[in-house]
C-alpha atoms as a PDB file:
ATOM      1  CA  MET A   1      16.639 -19.866 -14.890  1.00  0.00           C
ATOM      2  CA  ARG A   2      13.744 -17.269 -15.533  1.00  0.00           C
ATOM      3  CA  HIS A   3      14.017 -13.724 -14.464  1.00  0.00           C
ATOM      4  CA  THR A   4      10.272 -11.739 -14.252  1.00  0.00           C
ATOM      5  CA  TYR A   5       9.662  -8.379 -14.117  1.00  0.00           C
ATOM      6  CA  SER A   6       6.721  -6.369 -12.863  1.00  0.00           C
ATOM      7  CA  LEU A   7       6.053  -3.020 -14.029  1.00  0.00           C
ATOM      8  CA  ASP A   8       6.989  -0.929 -10.596  1.00  0.00           C
ATOM      9  CA  HIS A   9       5.506   3.385 -11.464  1.00  0.00           C
ATOM     10  CA  PHE A  10       5.497   5.208 -15.311  1.00  0.00           C
ATOM     11  CA  ALA A  11       4.398   9.331 -16.469  1.00  0.00           C
ATOM     12  CA  LEU A  12       2.329  10.187 -18.387  1.00  0.00           C
ATOM     13  CA  LEU A  13       2.348  13.560 -19.410  1.00  0.00           C
ATOM     14  CA  VAL A  14      -1.261  14.480 -20.409  1.00  0.00           C
ATOM     15  CA  ARG A  15      -3.328  18.158 -21.642  1.00  0.00           C
ATOM     16  CA  ASP A  16      -7.013  18.052 -19.352  1.00  0.00           C
ATOM     17  CA  LEU A  17      -5.760  16.672 -15.419  1.00  0.00           C
ATOM     18  CA  SER A  18      -9.069  16.601 -14.827  1.00  0.00           C
ATOM     19  CA  ARG A  19     -10.418  14.158 -18.134  1.00  0.00           C
ATOM     20  CA  SER A  20      -7.039  12.084 -17.726  1.00  0.00           C
ATOM     21  CA  VAL A  21      -8.053  11.443 -14.045  1.00  0.00           C
ATOM     22  CA  ALA A  22     -11.733  10.425 -15.067  1.00  0.00           C
ATOM     23  CA  PHE A  23     -10.712   7.933 -18.113  1.00  0.00           C
ATOM     24  CA  TYR A  24      -7.815   6.193 -15.760  1.00  0.00           C
ATOM     25  CA  THR A  25     -10.028   5.900 -12.403  1.00  0.00           C
ATOM     26  CA  GLU A  26     -12.868   5.267 -14.033  1.00  0.00           C
ATOM     27  CA  ASN A  27     -12.193   2.769 -16.984  1.00  0.00           C
ATOM     28  CA  LEU A  28      -9.161   0.709 -15.249  1.00  0.00           C
ATOM     29  CA  SER A  29      -9.733   1.196 -11.744  1.00  0.00           C
ATOM     30  CA  PHE A  30      -6.654   3.335 -11.089  1.00  0.00           C
ATOM     31  CA  GLU A  31      -6.264   5.313  -7.574  1.00  0.00           C
ATOM     32  CA  PRO A  32      -5.233   8.881  -7.142  1.00  0.00           C
ATOM     33  CA  ILE A  33      -1.876   8.900  -4.734  1.00  0.00           C
ATOM     34  CA  GLU A  34      -0.739  11.981  -4.474  1.00  0.00           C
ATOM     35  CA  ARG A  35      -1.546  15.237  -6.275  1.00  0.00           C
ATOM     36  CA  THR A  36       0.071  18.474  -4.203  1.00  0.00           C
ATOM     37  CA  GLY A  37       0.999  21.829  -5.787  1.00  0.00           C
ATOM     38  CA  SER A  38       2.480  21.387  -9.474  1.00  0.00           C
ATOM     39  CA  ALA A  39       3.457  17.119  -8.732  1.00  0.00           C
ATOM     40  CA  ASN A  40      -0.175  15.648 -10.060  1.00  0.00           C
ATOM     41  CA  VAL A  41       0.435  11.800  -9.654  1.00  0.00           C
ATOM     42  CA  VAL A  42      -2.591   8.979 -10.121  1.00  0.00           C
END
């Protein structure tokens, strides 16, 4: 029997949030899912 694994989520610490969001949304087609207070999730 073969086991299949998938990636559910991951976290990255970045220095420049707006630059990182632009990179991940424009180049990798990620979509922001939450941006509240100090918790910023893309």
